[in-house]
Amino acid sequence: MINNEYREAIVEVLDILQHSEKNIIEKIPKKLIEFWEKNKSDTYNPDLDHSKSIDEMNLKNKTKSIITMIYLNYLCEGIEKQKIKLILKNNESQYQKSIKRKIVIL
């Protein structure tokens, strides 16, 4: 079951995609977009300022995660993709270390 946080993030992602270039949208599998359309929140209305960059928008963390997944899996290639994977791996490692430290403290 998809939680409300994810449903709202889907709405933000779809809103961003509606304001994206057609060649970007064409790279994302139609089945994935259909899944998002079926599972988006029916009540959440994001107030996104599309004159700003994605970094400047006040997006939900889950939205940022989905956008990262889209970019990594469908839009970037080669060395850039390797760099992003390394950053994500390092971030996960740091996160796991911080959790372990918290557990030791408890």
N, C-alpha and C. Protein backbone atom coordinates (compact mmCIF):
# COMPACT_ATOMS: atom_id res chain seq x y z
N MET A 1 0.84 -1.18 0.00
CA MET A 1 0.00 0.00 0.00
C MET A 1 0.88 1.25 0.00
N ILE A 2 0.49 2.22 -0.75
CA ILE A 2 1.27 3.45 -0.89
C ILE A 2 0.79 4.47 0.15
N ASN A 3 1.74 5.02 0.90
CA ASN A 3 1.36 5.96 1.94
C ASN A 3 1.08 7.36 1.36
N ASN A 4 0.50 8.20 2.19
CA ASN A 4 0.08 9.53 1.77
C ASN A 4 1.27 10.40 1.36
N GLU A 5 2.39 10.28 2.07
CA GLU A 5 3.58 11.06 1.73
C GLU A 5 4.02 10.78 0.28
N TYR A 6 4.02 9.50 -0.09
CA TYR A 6 4.40 9.11 -1.44
C TYR A 6 3.37 9.60 -2.45
N ARG A 7 2.10 9.50 -2.13
CA ARG A 7 1.04 9.98 -3.04
C ARG A 7 1.19 11.48 -3.33
N GLU A 8 1.51 12.25 -2.30
CA GLU A 8 1.70 13.69 -2.47
C GLU A 8 2.96 13.98 -3.28
N ALA A 9 4.00 13.21 -3.05
CA ALA A 9 5.24 13.38 -3.81
C ALA A 9 4.99 13.10 -5.29
N ILE A 10 4.18 12.09 -5.57
CA ILE A 10 3.84 11.77 -6.95
C ILE A 10 3.16 12.96 -7.63
N VAL A 11 2.29 13.63 -6.90
CA VAL A 11 1.62 14.82 -7.46
C VAL A 11 2.64 15.87 -7.84
N GLU A 12 3.62 16.11 -6.96
CA GLU A 12 4.66 17.09 -7.26
C GLU A 12 5.48 16.67 -8.47
N VAL A 13 5.83 15.38 -8.53
CA VAL A 13 6.62 14.89 -9.67
C VAL A 13 5.84 15.06 -10.97
N LEU A 14 4.58 14.69 -10.97
CA LEU A 14 3.76 14.84 -12.19
C LEU A 14 3.61 16.30 -12.59
N ASP A 15 3.50 17.17 -11.60
CA ASP A 15 3.42 18.61 -11.88
C ASP A 15 4.71 19.10 -12.55
N ILE A 16 5.84 18.64 -12.04
CA ILE A 16 7.13 19.02 -12.64
C ILE A 16 7.22 18.47 -14.06
N LEU A 17 6.81 17.23 -14.25
CA LEU A 17 6.87 16.63 -15.59
C LEU A 17 5.97 17.37 -16.58
N GLN A 18 4.83 17.88 -16.11
CA GLN A 18 3.94 18.64 -16.99
C GLN A 18 4.62 19.90 -17.51
N HIS A 19 5.58 20.39 -16.77
CA HIS A 19 6.29 21.61 -17.16
C HIS A 19 7.68 21.30 -17.74
N SER A 20 7.90 20.05 -18.08
CA SER A 20 9.19 19.63 -18.64
C SER A 20 9.08 19.49 -20.15
N GLU A 21 10.25 19.45 -20.77
CA GLU A 21 10.29 19.29 -22.23
C GLU A 21 9.84 17.88 -22.62
N LYS A 22 9.24 17.78 -23.78
CA LYS A 22 8.69 16.52 -24.25
C LYS A 22 9.75 15.43 -24.35
N ASN A 23 10.97 15.79 -24.78
CA ASN A 23 12.02 14.77 -24.92
C ASN A 23 12.42 14.15 -23.59
N ILE A 24 12.23 14.87 -22.50
CA ILE A 24 12.51 14.32 -21.16
C ILE A 24 11.42 13.31 -20.79
N ILE A 25 10.19 13.70 -20.99
CA ILE A 25 9.06 12.84 -20.64
C ILE A 25 9.09 11.54 -21.45
N GLU A 26 9.50 11.64 -22.70
CA GLU A 26 9.54 10.46 -23.57
C GLU A 26 10.55 9.41 -23.10
N LYS A 27 11.52 9.80 -22.29
CA LYS A 27 12.53 8.86 -21.80
C LYS A 27 12.05 8.06 -20.59
N ILE A 28 10.97 8.51 -19.98
CA ILE A 28 10.42 7.84 -18.80
C ILE A 28 9.39 6.81 -19.28
N PRO A 29 9.48 5.57 -18.80
CA PRO A 29 8.53 4.55 -19.24
C PRO A 29 7.07 4.97 -19.01
N LYS A 30 6.26 4.76 -20.01
CA LYS A 30 4.84 5.11 -19.93
C LYS A 30 4.15 4.37 -18.78
N LYS A 31 4.55 3.13 -18.55
CA LYS A 31 3.94 2.34 -17.45
C LYS A 31 4.22 2.99 -16.10
N LEU A 32 5.39 3.59 -15.94
CA LEU A 32 5.72 4.26 -14.69
C LEU A 32 4.85 5.50 -14.51
N ILE A 33 4.69 6.26 -15.55
CA ILE A 33 3.84 7.46 -15.48
C ILE A 33 2.39 7.04 -15.22
N GLU A 34 1.93 5.98 -15.85
CA GLU A 34 0.58 5.47 -15.62
C GLU A 34 0.41 5.04 -14.16
N PHE A 35 1.42 4.38 -13.61
CA PHE A 35 1.39 3.98 -12.21
C PHE A 35 1.25 5.20 -11.32
N TRP A 36 2.03 6.24 -11.60
CA TRP A 36 1.94 7.47 -10.80
C TRP A 36 0.57 8.10 -10.93
N GLU A 37 0.03 8.14 -12.13
CA GLU A 37 -1.29 8.74 -12.34
C GLU A 37 -2.36 8.00 -11.52
N LYS A 38 -2.25 6.69 -11.45
CA LYS A 38 -3.22 5.88 -10.69
C LYS A 38 -3.07 6.07 -9.19
N ASN A 39 -1.86 6.34 -8.74
CA ASN A 39 -1.57 6.34 -7.30
C ASN A 39 -1.31 7.71 -6.69
N LYS A 40 -1.50 8.75 -7.45
CA LYS A 40 -1.28 10.09 -6.90
C LYS A 40 -2.39 10.47 -5.93
N SER A 41 -2.11 11.43 -5.10
CA SER A 41 -3.11 11.96 -4.18
C SER A 41 -4.17 12.72 -4.96
N ASP A 42 -5.41 12.54 -4.56
CA ASP A 42 -6.51 13.27 -5.21
C ASP A 42 -6.81 14.58 -4.50
N THR A 43 -6.21 14.78 -3.35
CA THR A 43 -6.53 15.97 -2.55
C THR A 43 -5.39 16.98 -2.46
N TYR A 44 -4.16 16.55 -2.70
CA TYR A 44 -3.01 17.43 -2.54
C TYR A 44 -2.84 18.31 -3.77
N ASN A 45 -2.70 19.61 -3.54
CA ASN A 45 -2.47 20.57 -4.62
C ASN A 45 -1.17 21.33 -4.36
N PRO A 46 -0.11 20.94 -5.04
CA PRO A 46 1.17 21.62 -4.80
C PRO A 46 1.14 23.04 -5.37
N ASP A 47 1.88 23.90 -4.73
CA ASP A 47 1.99 25.28 -5.21
C ASP A 47 3.45 25.50 -5.60
N LEU A 48 3.82 24.91 -6.75
CA LEU A 48 5.20 24.97 -7.19
C LEU A 48 5.42 26.15 -8.13
N ASP A 49 6.50 26.86 -7.90
CA ASP A 49 6.86 28.00 -8.75
C ASP A 49 7.81 27.49 -9.83
N HIS A 50 7.28 27.29 -11.02
CA HIS A 50 8.07 26.72 -12.11
C HIS A 50 9.03 27.71 -12.76
N SER A 51 9.04 28.94 -12.27
CA SER A 51 10.05 29.89 -12.74
C SER A 51 11.37 29.64 -12.01
N LYS A 52 11.32 28.83 -10.94
CA LYS A 52 12.51 28.49 -10.17
C LYS A 52 13.05 27.14 -10.64
N SER A 53 14.32 26.91 -10.33
CA SER A 53 14.91 25.60 -10.62
C SER A 53 14.37 24.59 -9.60
N ILE A 54 14.54 23.32 -9.91
CA ILE A 54 14.08 22.28 -8.99
C ILE A 54 14.76 22.43 -7.63
N ASP A 55 16.03 22.80 -7.63
CA ASP A 55 16.76 22.99 -6.37
C ASP A 55 16.15 24.11 -5.52
N GLU A 56 15.58 25.09 -6.17
CA GLU A 56 15.01 26.24 -5.45
C GLU A 56 13.56 26.01 -5.01
N MET A 57 12.90 25.02 -5.60
CA MET A 57 11.51 24.74 -5.22
C MET A 57 11.47 24.12 -3.84
N ASN A 58 10.39 24.35 -3.15
CA ASN A 58 10.20 23.77 -1.82
C ASN A 58 9.51 22.41 -1.98
N LEU A 59 10.30 21.41 -2.40
CA LEU A 59 9.76 20.09 -2.68
C LEU A 59 9.86 19.18 -1.46
N LYS A 60 8.97 18.23 -1.41
CA LYS A 60 9.03 17.21 -0.37
C LYS A 60 10.28 16.35 -0.58
N ASN A 61 10.82 15.82 0.50
CA ASN A 61 12.01 14.96 0.39
C ASN A 61 11.74 13.76 -0.49
N LYS A 62 10.56 13.18 -0.39
CA LYS A 62 10.21 12.03 -1.21
C LYS A 62 10.18 12.43 -2.69
N THR A 63 9.74 13.63 -2.99
CA THR A 63 9.74 14.12 -4.37
C THR A 63 11.15 14.20 -4.90
N LYS A 64 12.05 14.72 -4.08
CA LYS A 64 13.46 14.82 -4.48
C LYS A 64 14.04 13.44 -4.76
N SER A 65 13.66 12.47 -3.95
CA SER A 65 14.13 11.10 -4.15
C SER A 65 13.63 10.53 -5.48
N ILE A 66 12.37 10.76 -5.78
CA ILE A 66 11.80 10.26 -7.04
C ILE A 66 12.46 10.94 -8.23
N ILE A 67 12.69 12.24 -8.14
CA ILE A 67 13.34 12.97 -9.22
C ILE A 67 14.77 12.46 -9.42
N THR A 68 15.45 12.18 -8.33
CA THR A 68 16.80 11.61 -8.43
C THR A 68 16.75 10.26 -9.14
N MET A 69 15.79 9.43 -8.78
CA MET A 69 15.63 8.12 -9.42
C MET A 69 15.36 8.29 -10.91
N ILE A 70 14.49 9.22 -11.27
CA ILE A 70 14.19 9.47 -12.69
C ILE A 70 15.46 9.88 -13.42
N TYR A 71 16.17 10.84 -12.84
CA TYR A 71 17.37 11.35 -13.49
C TYR A 71 18.41 10.24 -13.65
N LEU A 72 18.63 9.49 -12.58
CA LEU A 72 19.65 8.45 -12.60
C LEU A 72 19.30 7.33 -13.58
N ASN A 73 18.07 6.89 -13.58
CA ASN A 73 17.67 5.73 -14.38
C ASN A 73 17.30 6.03 -15.82
N TYR A 74 16.87 7.25 -16.11
CA TYR A 74 16.33 7.51 -17.45
C TYR A 74 16.97 8.68 -18.19
N LEU A 75 17.65 9.57 -17.50
CA LEU A 75 18.12 10.79 -18.17
C LEU A 75 19.63 10.92 -18.28
N CYS A 76 20.38 10.49 -17.29
CA CYS A 76 21.83 10.69 -17.37
C CYS A 76 22.52 9.41 -17.83
N GLU A 77 23.75 9.57 -18.29
CA GLU A 77 24.50 8.45 -18.85
C GLU A 77 25.97 8.55 -18.48
N GLY A 78 26.69 7.47 -18.71
CA GLY A 78 28.14 7.45 -18.63
C GLY A 78 28.73 7.89 -17.31
N ILE A 79 29.72 8.75 -17.41
CA ILE A 79 30.48 9.20 -16.24
C ILE A 79 29.59 9.92 -15.24
N GLU A 80 28.67 10.72 -15.74
CA GLU A 80 27.77 11.44 -14.85
C GLU A 80 26.94 10.46 -14.01
N LYS A 81 26.47 9.40 -14.64
CA LYS A 81 25.69 8.38 -13.94
C LYS A 81 26.55 7.70 -12.87
N GLN A 82 27.80 7.40 -13.20
CA GLN A 82 28.72 6.78 -12.24
C GLN A 82 28.98 7.71 -11.05
N LYS A 83 29.13 9.00 -11.33
CA LYS A 83 29.38 9.97 -10.26
C LYS A 83 28.19 10.04 -9.31
N ILE A 84 26.99 10.07 -9.87
CA ILE A 84 25.78 10.15 -9.04
C ILE A 84 25.63 8.88 -8.20
N LYS A 85 25.88 7.73 -8.80
CA LYS A 85 25.81 6.48 -8.03
C LYS A 85 26.80 6.48 -6.87
N LEU A 86 27.99 7.00 -7.11
CA LEU A 86 29.00 7.08 -6.06
C LEU A 86 28.54 8.03 -4.94
N ILE A 87 27.98 9.15 -5.31
CA ILE A 87 27.46 10.10 -4.31
C ILE A 87 26.36 9.44 -3.48
N LEU A 88 25.44 8.76 -4.15
CA LEU A 88 24.35 8.09 -3.43
C LEU A 88 24.89 6.99 -2.51
N LYS A 89 25.87 6.26 -2.98
CA LYS A 89 26.48 5.20 -2.16
C LYS A 89 27.15 5.80 -0.93
N ASN A 90 27.88 6.89 -1.12
CA ASN A 90 28.55 7.55 0.00
C ASN A 90 27.53 8.12 0.99
N ASN A 91 26.46 8.71 0.46
CA ASN A 91 25.40 9.23 1.34
C ASN A 91 24.77 8.12 2.17
N GLU A 92 24.50 6.98 1.53
CA GLU A 92 23.92 5.85 2.25
C GLU A 92 24.88 5.34 3.31
N SER A 93 26.15 5.28 2.99
CA SER A 93 27.15 4.83 3.95
C SER A 93 27.19 5.76 5.17
N GLN A 94 27.19 7.06 4.91
CA GLN A 94 27.19 8.04 6.01
C GLN A 94 25.93 7.91 6.86
N TYR A 95 24.81 7.70 6.21
CA TYR A 95 23.54 7.54 6.92
C TYR A 95 23.58 6.31 7.82
N GLN A 96 24.08 5.19 7.28
CA GLN A 96 24.16 3.96 8.06
C GLN A 96 25.10 4.13 9.26
N LYS A 97 26.21 4.85 9.06
CA LYS A 97 27.14 5.10 10.16
C LYS A 97 26.48 5.93 11.25
N SER A 98 25.69 6.93 10.85
CA SER A 98 25.02 7.78 11.85
C SER A 98 23.98 6.97 12.63
N ILE A 99 23.31 6.05 11.97
CA ILE A 99 22.33 5.20 12.66
C ILE A 99 23.06 4.31 13.67
N LYS A 100 24.17 3.73 13.25
CA LYS A 100 24.92 2.87 14.16
C LYS A 100 25.40 3.64 15.38
N ARG A 101 25.85 4.87 15.18
CA ARG A 101 26.29 5.70 16.31
C ARG A 101 25.15 5.96 17.27
N LYS A 102 23.97 6.24 16.72
CA LYS A 102 22.80 6.50 17.57
C LYS A 102 22.41 5.26 18.37
N ILE A 103 22.51 4.11 17.73
CA ILE A 103 22.17 2.86 18.43
C ILE A 103 23.15 2.60 19.56
N VAL A 104 24.43 2.85 19.33
CA VAL A 104 25.46 2.64 20.36
C VAL A 104 25.20 3.57 21.54
N ILE A 105 24.79 4.80 21.27
CA ILE A 105 24.53 5.78 22.32
C ILE A 105 23.34 5.34 23.18
N LEU A 106 22.35 4.76 22.55
CA LEU A 106 21.18 4.30 23.29
C LEU A 106 21.53 3.14 24.18
